[in-house]
């Protein structure tokens, strides 16, 4: 999905999202005008996006799926 679609889905549904460039286990959650990382870091949406203003960041977003091991 696109960046806009992923951010809207995370913001409205509270789901974790990830990108193909993220490391395994890395995700973000959009809360209002803030982005929270899996480590608990918080920054503004604009601050998060400013370093990712390249075409490669516009697509390839998806819902983060937690993997568990038996």
N, C-alpha and C. Protein backbone atom coordinates (compact mmCIF):
# COMPACT_ATOMS: atom_id res chain seq x y z
N UNK A 1 0.84 -1.17 0.00
CA UNK A 1 0.00 0.00 0.00
C UNK A 1 0.88 1.23 0.00
N UNK A 2 0.29 2.36 -0.29
CA UNK A 2 1.06 3.60 -0.34
C UNK A 2 1.31 4.13 1.08
N UNK A 3 2.21 5.08 1.16
CA UNK A 3 2.50 5.73 2.44
C UNK A 3 1.23 6.36 3.02
N UNK A 4 0.49 7.09 2.19
CA UNK A 4 -0.73 7.75 2.66
C UNK A 4 -1.75 6.73 3.15
N UNK A 5 -1.94 5.64 2.42
CA UNK A 5 -2.89 4.60 2.82
C UNK A 5 -2.46 3.96 4.14
N UNK A 6 -1.18 3.66 4.25
CA UNK A 6 -0.67 3.00 5.46
C UNK A 6 -0.81 3.91 6.68
N UNK A 7 -0.45 5.19 6.53
CA UNK A 7 -0.57 6.12 7.65
C UNK A 7 -2.02 6.29 8.07
N UNK A 8 -2.92 6.38 7.12
CA UNK A 8 -4.34 6.53 7.45
C UNK A 8 -4.86 5.28 8.16
N UNK A 9 -4.49 4.11 7.67
CA UNK A 9 -4.93 2.86 8.29
C UNK A 9 -4.39 2.75 9.72
N UNK A 10 -3.13 3.08 9.91
CA UNK A 10 -2.53 3.02 11.25
C UNK A 10 -3.20 4.02 12.18
N UNK A 11 -3.43 5.22 11.67
CA UNK A 11 -4.01 6.29 12.49
C UNK A 11 -5.45 5.97 12.88
N UNK A 12 -6.24 5.44 11.96
CA UNK A 12 -7.66 5.21 12.24
C UNK A 12 -7.93 3.86 12.90
N UNK A 13 -7.10 2.84 12.59
CA UNK A 13 -7.35 1.51 13.12
C UNK A 13 -6.37 1.09 14.21
N UNK A 14 -5.32 1.90 14.41
CA UNK A 14 -4.35 1.58 15.46
C UNK A 14 -3.44 0.41 15.15
N UNK A 15 -3.30 0.08 13.86
CA UNK A 15 -2.46 -1.06 13.49
C UNK A 15 -1.01 -0.63 13.31
N UNK A 16 -0.13 -1.58 13.51
CA UNK A 16 1.30 -1.36 13.28
C UNK A 16 1.54 -1.50 11.79
N UNK A 17 2.41 -0.64 11.24
CA UNK A 17 2.76 -0.74 9.83
C UNK A 17 4.27 -0.86 9.68
N UNK A 18 4.67 -1.43 8.57
CA UNK A 18 6.08 -1.62 8.30
C UNK A 18 6.34 -1.38 6.81
N UNK A 19 7.60 -1.25 6.46
CA UNK A 19 8.00 -1.00 5.08
C UNK A 19 9.06 -2.01 4.69
N UNK A 20 9.18 -2.27 3.41
CA UNK A 20 10.16 -3.27 2.95
C UNK A 20 11.60 -2.91 3.32
N UNK A 21 11.88 -1.63 3.55
CA UNK A 21 13.23 -1.22 3.96
C UNK A 21 13.46 -1.36 5.47
N UNK A 22 12.40 -1.59 6.25
CA UNK A 22 12.56 -1.76 7.69
C UNK A 22 13.20 -3.11 7.99
N UNK A 23 13.88 -3.19 9.09
CA UNK A 23 14.45 -4.46 9.55
C UNK A 23 13.34 -5.36 10.07
N UNK A 24 13.58 -6.67 10.13
CA UNK A 24 12.57 -7.55 10.73
C UNK A 24 12.29 -7.09 12.17
N UNK A 25 11.04 -7.04 12.53
CA UNK A 25 10.66 -6.59 13.87
C UNK A 25 10.49 -5.10 14.01
N UNK A 26 10.79 -4.35 12.95
CA UNK A 26 10.67 -2.89 13.00
C UNK A 26 9.30 -2.46 12.45
N UNK A 27 8.64 -1.59 13.18
CA UNK A 27 7.33 -1.09 12.76
C UNK A 27 7.10 0.27 13.39
N UNK A 28 6.04 0.92 12.93
CA UNK A 28 5.61 2.18 13.52
C UNK A 28 4.10 2.13 13.71
N UNK A 29 3.62 3.03 14.57
CA UNK A 29 2.19 3.24 14.76
C UNK A 29 1.97 4.75 14.68
N UNK A 30 0.97 5.16 13.93
CA UNK A 30 0.65 6.58 13.80
C UNK A 30 -0.46 6.90 14.80
N UNK A 31 -0.17 7.85 15.68
CA UNK A 31 -1.12 8.27 16.72
C UNK A 31 -1.31 9.77 16.60
N UNK A 32 -2.42 10.15 15.99
CA UNK A 32 -2.66 11.59 15.77
C UNK A 32 -1.62 12.14 14.81
N UNK A 33 -0.88 13.13 15.26
CA UNK A 33 0.18 13.73 14.45
C UNK A 33 1.56 13.24 14.85
N UNK A 34 1.61 12.09 15.51
CA UNK A 34 2.88 11.54 15.96
C UNK A 34 3.07 10.12 15.44
N UNK A 35 4.33 9.74 15.34
CA UNK A 35 4.71 8.39 14.96
C UNK A 35 5.46 7.78 16.14
N UNK A 36 5.06 6.58 16.53
CA UNK A 36 5.74 5.87 17.60
C UNK A 36 6.39 4.62 17.01
N UNK A 37 7.66 4.40 17.33
CA UNK A 37 8.38 3.24 16.82
C UNK A 37 8.22 2.05 17.75
N UNK A 38 8.68 0.90 17.29
CA UNK A 38 8.61 -0.30 18.12
C UNK A 38 9.43 -0.16 19.40
N UNK A 39 10.37 0.75 19.41
CA UNK A 39 11.21 0.98 20.60
C UNK A 39 10.61 2.03 21.53
N UNK A 40 9.48 2.61 21.13
CA UNK A 40 8.83 3.60 21.97
C UNK A 40 9.24 5.04 21.69
N UNK A 41 10.08 5.25 20.67
CA UNK A 41 10.46 6.61 20.31
C UNK A 41 9.27 7.30 19.64
N UNK A 42 9.10 8.58 19.91
CA UNK A 42 7.99 9.34 19.35
C UNK A 42 8.55 10.57 18.64
N UNK A 43 8.01 10.81 17.44
CA UNK A 43 8.36 12.03 16.70
C UNK A 43 7.13 12.46 15.92
N UNK A 44 7.17 13.65 15.40
CA UNK A 44 6.06 14.15 14.60
C UNK A 44 6.00 13.44 13.25
N UNK A 45 4.82 13.38 12.67
CA UNK A 45 4.66 12.75 11.35
C UNK A 45 5.55 13.45 10.33
N UNK A 46 5.55 14.77 10.32
CA UNK A 46 6.38 15.51 9.37
C UNK A 46 7.86 15.19 9.55
N UNK A 47 8.29 15.10 10.79
CA UNK A 47 9.69 14.77 11.08
C UNK A 47 10.03 13.37 10.57
N UNK A 48 9.13 12.43 10.75
CA UNK A 48 9.36 11.07 10.28
C UNK A 48 9.46 11.02 8.76
N UNK A 49 8.55 11.72 8.10
CA UNK A 49 8.48 11.67 6.64
C UNK A 49 9.61 12.44 5.96
N UNK A 50 10.10 13.50 6.59
CA UNK A 50 11.09 14.38 5.95
C UNK A 50 12.32 13.60 5.46
N UNK A 51 12.75 12.60 6.20
CA UNK A 51 13.91 11.81 5.79
C UNK A 51 13.57 10.69 4.83
N UNK A 52 12.29 10.61 4.48
CA UNK A 52 11.84 9.53 3.60
C UNK A 52 11.08 10.09 2.41
N UNK A 53 11.55 11.19 1.89
CA UNK A 53 10.88 11.84 0.76
C UNK A 53 11.50 11.40 -0.56
N UNK A 54 11.55 10.11 -0.75
CA UNK A 54 12.07 9.53 -1.98
C UNK A 54 10.99 8.61 -2.54
N UNK A 55 10.94 8.44 -3.84
CA UNK A 55 9.91 7.60 -4.44
C UNK A 55 9.82 6.19 -3.85
N UNK A 56 10.92 5.62 -3.45
CA UNK A 56 10.92 4.26 -2.89
C UNK A 56 10.12 4.14 -1.61
N UNK A 57 9.94 5.25 -0.89
CA UNK A 57 9.18 5.23 0.36
C UNK A 57 7.68 5.45 0.13
N UNK A 58 7.28 5.77 -1.08
CA UNK A 58 5.86 6.05 -1.36
C UNK A 58 5.01 4.79 -1.45
N UNK A 59 5.63 3.65 -1.70
CA UNK A 59 4.90 2.38 -1.83
C UNK A 59 5.57 1.32 -0.97
N UNK A 60 5.02 0.12 -1.01
CA UNK A 60 5.57 -1.05 -0.32
C UNK A 60 5.41 -1.00 1.20
N UNK A 61 4.36 -0.34 1.67
CA UNK A 61 3.99 -0.36 3.08
C UNK A 61 3.01 -1.50 3.30
N UNK A 62 3.02 -2.08 4.48
CA UNK A 62 2.07 -3.15 4.80
C UNK A 62 1.80 -3.21 6.29
N UNK A 63 0.74 -3.92 6.63
CA UNK A 63 0.42 -4.14 8.04
C UNK A 63 1.48 -5.06 8.63
N UNK A 64 2.00 -4.68 9.78
CA UNK A 64 3.02 -5.48 10.46
C UNK A 64 2.39 -6.74 11.02
N UNK A 65 2.99 -7.87 10.73
CA UNK A 65 2.50 -9.14 11.23
C UNK A 65 3.49 -9.69 12.25
N UNK A 66 3.03 -9.90 13.45
CA UNK A 66 3.87 -10.43 14.50
C UNK A 66 4.11 -11.91 14.23
N UNK A 67 5.36 -12.29 14.28
CA UNK A 67 5.68 -13.70 14.10
C UNK A 67 6.02 -14.29 15.45
N UNK A 68 5.54 -15.46 15.70
CA UNK A 68 5.82 -16.14 16.96
C UNK A 68 6.50 -17.46 16.66
N UNK A 69 7.33 -17.88 17.57
CA UNK A 69 7.99 -19.16 17.43
C UNK A 69 7.46 -20.11 18.49
N UNK A 70 7.30 -21.37 18.15
CA UNK A 70 6.74 -22.32 19.14
C UNK A 70 7.66 -22.58 20.30
